[in-house]
C-alpha atoms as a PDB file:
ATOM      1  CA  MET A   1     -13.370 144.549  34.696  1.00  0.00           C
ATOM      2  CA  ASN A   2     -17.137 144.348  34.869  1.00  0.00           C
ATOM      3  CA  ALA A   3     -19.069 141.285  35.961  1.00  0.00           C
ATOM      4  CA  SER A   4     -19.946 140.016  32.492  1.00  0.00           C
ATOM      5  CA  ALA A   5     -16.351 140.310  31.280  1.00  0.00           C
ATOM      6  CA  TYR A   6     -15.206 138.412  34.350  1.00  0.00           C
ATOM      7  CA  GLU A   7     -17.785 135.685  33.710  1.00  0.00           C
ATOM      8  CA  THR A   8     -16.646 135.414  30.096  1.00  0.00           C
ATOM      9  CA  GLU A   9     -12.992 135.135  31.106  1.00  0.00           C
ATOM     10  CA  LEU A  10     -13.843 132.572  33.758  1.00  0.00           C
ATOM     11  CA  ARG A  11     -15.775 130.422  31.254  1.00  0.00           C
ATOM     12  CA  HIS A  12     -12.890 130.719  28.789  1.00  0.00           C
ATOM     13  CA  ALA A  13     -10.347 129.691  31.436  1.00  0.00           C
ATOM     14  CA  THR A  14     -12.472 126.751  32.586  1.00  0.00           C
ATOM     15  CA  ARG A  15     -13.064 125.564  29.035  1.00  0.00           C
ATOM     16  CA  ASN A  16      -9.343 125.691  28.278  1.00  0.00           C
ATOM     17  CA  GLY A  17      -8.419 123.649  31.336  1.00  0.00           C
ATOM     18  CA  PHE A  18      -7.107 126.458  33.525  1.00  0.00           C
ATOM     19  CA  GLY A  19      -9.404 125.442  36.385  1.00  0.00           C
ATOM     20  CA  LEU A  20     -11.464 127.485  38.754  1.00  0.00           C
ATOM     21  CA  PRO A  21      -9.965 130.426  40.669  1.00  0.00           C
ATOM     22  CA  ASP A  22      -9.639 128.421  43.897  1.00  0.00           C
ATOM     23  CA  GLU A  23      -7.841 125.630  42.041  1.00  0.00           C
ATOM     24  CA  ARG A  24      -5.427 128.111  40.503  1.00  0.00           C
ATOM     25  CA  LEU A  25      -4.791 129.696  43.892  1.00  0.00           C
ATOM     26  CA  ALA A  26      -4.110 126.268  45.383  1.00  0.00           C
ATOM     27  CA  ARG A  27      -1.642 125.461  42.592  1.00  0.00           C
ATOM     28  CA  VAL A  28       0.107 128.812  43.082  1.00  0.00           C
ATOM     29  CA  ALA A  29       0.318 128.225  46.850  1.00  0.00           C
ATOM     30  CA  ALA A  30       1.714 124.719  46.334  1.00  0.00           C
ATOM     31  CA  ARG A  31       4.271 126.015  43.852  1.00  0.00           C
ATOM     32  CA  ARG A  32       5.311 128.802  46.220  1.00  0.00           C
ATOM     33  CA  ALA A  33       5.757 126.295  49.065  1.00  0.00           C
ATOM     34  CA  PHE A  34       7.870 124.075  46.792  1.00  0.00           C
ATOM     35  CA  VAL A  35      10.072 126.998  45.729  1.00  0.00           C
ATOM     36  CA  GLU A  36      10.633 128.020  49.358  1.00  0.00           C
ATOM     37  CA  LEU A  37      11.482 124.422  50.264  1.00  0.00           C
ATOM     38  CA  LYS A  38      13.904 124.131  47.360  1.00  0.00           C
ATOM     39  CA  GLN A  39      15.601 127.410  48.280  1.00  0.00           C
ATOM     40  CA  SER A  40      16.048 126.136  51.844  1.00  0.00           C
ATOM     41  CA  PHE A  41      17.674 122.976  50.519  1.00  0.00           C
ATOM     42  CA  MET A  42      19.916 125.000  48.184  1.00  0.00           C
ATOM     43  CA  ARG A  43      21.096 127.204  51.063  1.00  0.00           C
ATOM     44  CA  ALA A  44      21.820 124.137  53.193  1.00  0.00           C
ATOM     45  CA  VAL A  45      23.731 122.132  50.579  1.00  0.00           C
ATOM     46  CA  ALA A  46      25.792 125.201  49.646  1.00  0.00           C
ATOM     47  CA  ASP A  47      27.655 124.645  52.931  1.00  0.00           C
ATOM     48  CA  VAL A  48      28.491 121.010  52.116  1.00  0.00           C
ATOM     49  CA  GLU A  49      31.974 120.826  50.628  1.00  0.00           C
ATOM     50  CA  GLY A  50      33.602 118.407  48.213  1.00  0.00           C
ATOM     51  CA  SER A  51      32.146 116.049  45.677  1.00  0.00           C
ATOM     52  CA  SER A  52      29.231 115.105  47.929  1.00  0.00           C
ATOM     53  CA  GLY A  53      28.298 118.788  48.151  1.00  0.00           C
ATOM     54  CA  GLU A  54      28.400 119.121  44.367  1.00  0.00           C
ATOM     55  CA  LEU A  55      26.279 115.990  43.953  1.00  0.00           C
ATOM     56  CA  LEU A  56      23.714 117.216  46.477  1.00  0.00           C
ATOM     57  CA  GLN A  57      23.568 120.637  44.826  1.00  0.00           C
ATOM     58  CA  ARG A  58      22.936 119.007  41.457  1.00  0.00           C
ATOM     59  CA  LYS A  59      20.216 116.719  42.853  1.00  0.00           C
ATOM     60  CA  VAL A  60      18.474 119.596  44.625  1.00  0.00           C
ATOM     61  CA  ARG A  61      18.689 121.769  41.501  1.00  0.00           C
ATOM     62  CA  GLN A  62      17.160 118.984  39.393  1.00  0.00           C
ATOM     63  CA  ALA A  63      14.271 118.362  41.803  1.00  0.00           C
ATOM     64  CA  SER A  64      10.979 119.327  40.238  1.00  0.00           C
ATOM     65  CA  GLU A  65       8.626 118.113  42.970  1.00  0.00           C
ATOM     66  CA  ALA A  66       8.583 118.347  46.738  1.00  0.00           C
ATOM     67  CA  ILE A  67       8.673 114.559  47.127  1.00  0.00           C
ATOM     68  CA  GLU A  68      12.108 114.512  45.477  1.00  0.00           C
ATOM     69  CA  LEU A  69      13.399 116.885  48.146  1.00  0.00           C
ATOM     70  CA  TRP A  70      11.682 114.805  50.825  1.00  0.00           C
ATOM     71  CA  ARG A  71      13.673 111.779  49.634  1.00  0.00           C
ATOM     72  CA  LEU A  72      16.916 113.785  49.909  1.00  0.00           C
ATOM     73  CA  ARG A  73      16.226 115.114  53.399  1.00  0.00           C
ATOM     74  CA  ALA A  74      18.124 112.497  55.409  1.00  0.00           C
ATOM     75  CA  LEU A  75      21.174 112.675  53.151  1.00  0.00           C
ATOM     76  CA  VAL A  76      21.221 116.474  53.263  1.00  0.00           C
ATOM     77  CA  LEU A  77      20.802 116.640  57.044  1.00  0.00           C
ATOM     78  CA  GLU A  78      23.495 113.996  57.512  1.00  0.00           C
ATOM     79  CA  SER A  79      25.888 115.795  55.155  1.00  0.00           C
ATOM     80  CA  LEU A  80      25.736 119.166  56.883  1.00  0.00           C
ATOM     81  CA  PRO A  81      29.108 119.879  58.484  1.00  0.00           C
ATOM     82  CA  PRO A  82      28.727 119.770  62.301  1.00  0.00           C
ATOM     83  CA  GLN A  83      31.273 122.520  62.943  1.00  0.00           C
ATOM     84  CA  HIS A  84      29.784 125.010  60.457  1.00  0.00           C
ATOM     85  CA  PRO A  85      28.130 128.008  62.185  1.00  0.00           C
ATOM     86  CA  HIS A  86      24.986 127.812  60.018  1.00  0.00           C
ATOM     87  CA  THR A  87      24.331 124.076  60.389  1.00  0.00           C
ATOM     88  CA  ALA A  88      21.863 124.411  63.267  1.00  0.00           C
ATOM     89  CA  ALA A  89      19.943 127.137  61.431  1.00  0.00           C
ATOM     90  CA  HIS A  90      19.830 125.015  58.253  1.00  0.00           C
ATOM     91  CA  ARG A  91      18.493 122.017  60.193  1.00  0.00           C
ATOM     92  CA  ILE A  92      15.757 124.099  61.804  1.00  0.00           C
ATOM     93  CA  GLU A  93      14.801 125.762  58.521  1.00  0.00           C
ATOM     94  CA  LEU A  94      14.701 122.475  56.597  1.00  0.00           C
ATOM     95  CA  ARG A  95      12.528 120.806  59.212  1.00  0.00           C
ATOM     96  CA  ARG A  96      10.197 123.820  59.340  1.00  0.00           C
ATOM     97  CA  GLN A  97       9.870 123.907  55.550  1.00  0.00           C
ATOM     98  CA  LEU A  98       9.355 120.146  55.312  1.00  0.00           C
ATOM     99  CA  ASP A  99       6.681 120.325  58.016  1.00  0.00           C
ATOM    100  CA  SER A 100       4.882 123.075  56.111  1.00  0.00           C
ATOM    101  CA  VAL A 101       4.870 121.087  52.848  1.00  0.00           C
ATOM    102  CA  PHE A 102       4.298 117.655  54.422  1.00  0.00           C
ATOM    103  CA  PRO A 103       2.221 118.356  57.551  1.00  0.00           C
ATOM    104  CA  ASP A 104       1.789 115.618  60.134  1.00  0.00           C
ATOM    105  CA  HIS A 105      -1.903 115.117  60.756  1.00  0.00           C
ATOM    106  CA  GLY A 106      -1.345 113.276  64.005  1.00  0.00           C
ATOM    107  CA  VAL A 107      -2.072 109.907  62.450  1.00  0.00           C
ATOM    108  CA  ASP A 108       0.034 107.102  63.857  1.00  0.00           C
ATOM    109  CA  THR A 109       1.884 105.499  60.971  1.00  0.00           C
ATOM    110  CA  GLY A 110       3.365 102.705  63.038  1.00  0.00           C
ATOM    111  CA  PHE A 111       2.592  99.040  62.585  1.00  0.00           C
ATOM    112  CA  LEU A 112      -0.794  97.895  63.792  1.00  0.00           C
ATOM    113  CA  PRO A 113      -1.679  94.344  64.794  1.00  0.00           C
ATOM    114  CA  LEU A 114      -3.859  92.441  62.349  1.00  0.00           C
END
């Protein structure tokens, strides 16, 4: 693709709301991070048995944004069977994935005096 064809395609994409290349790359990266996070949750809840396991699997499957998985994190971590051989690995993987999607910037979120 020569330079003028690239410029034409870029103008067309921008005009049609596709955004600039960096914006598209950022959206792709965010989507990839979400998919990896969701797969981690799916692997973890697959080890939870019974009706609570089925409910968690359904909720994770229905999640369409990372914040929905964030809200499920405590329930999923609490529901992992303690005697299962993969529980420790699931906990580590979930925390690692959550930290990559929701990084802590070192800001204290505790209560401050007025």
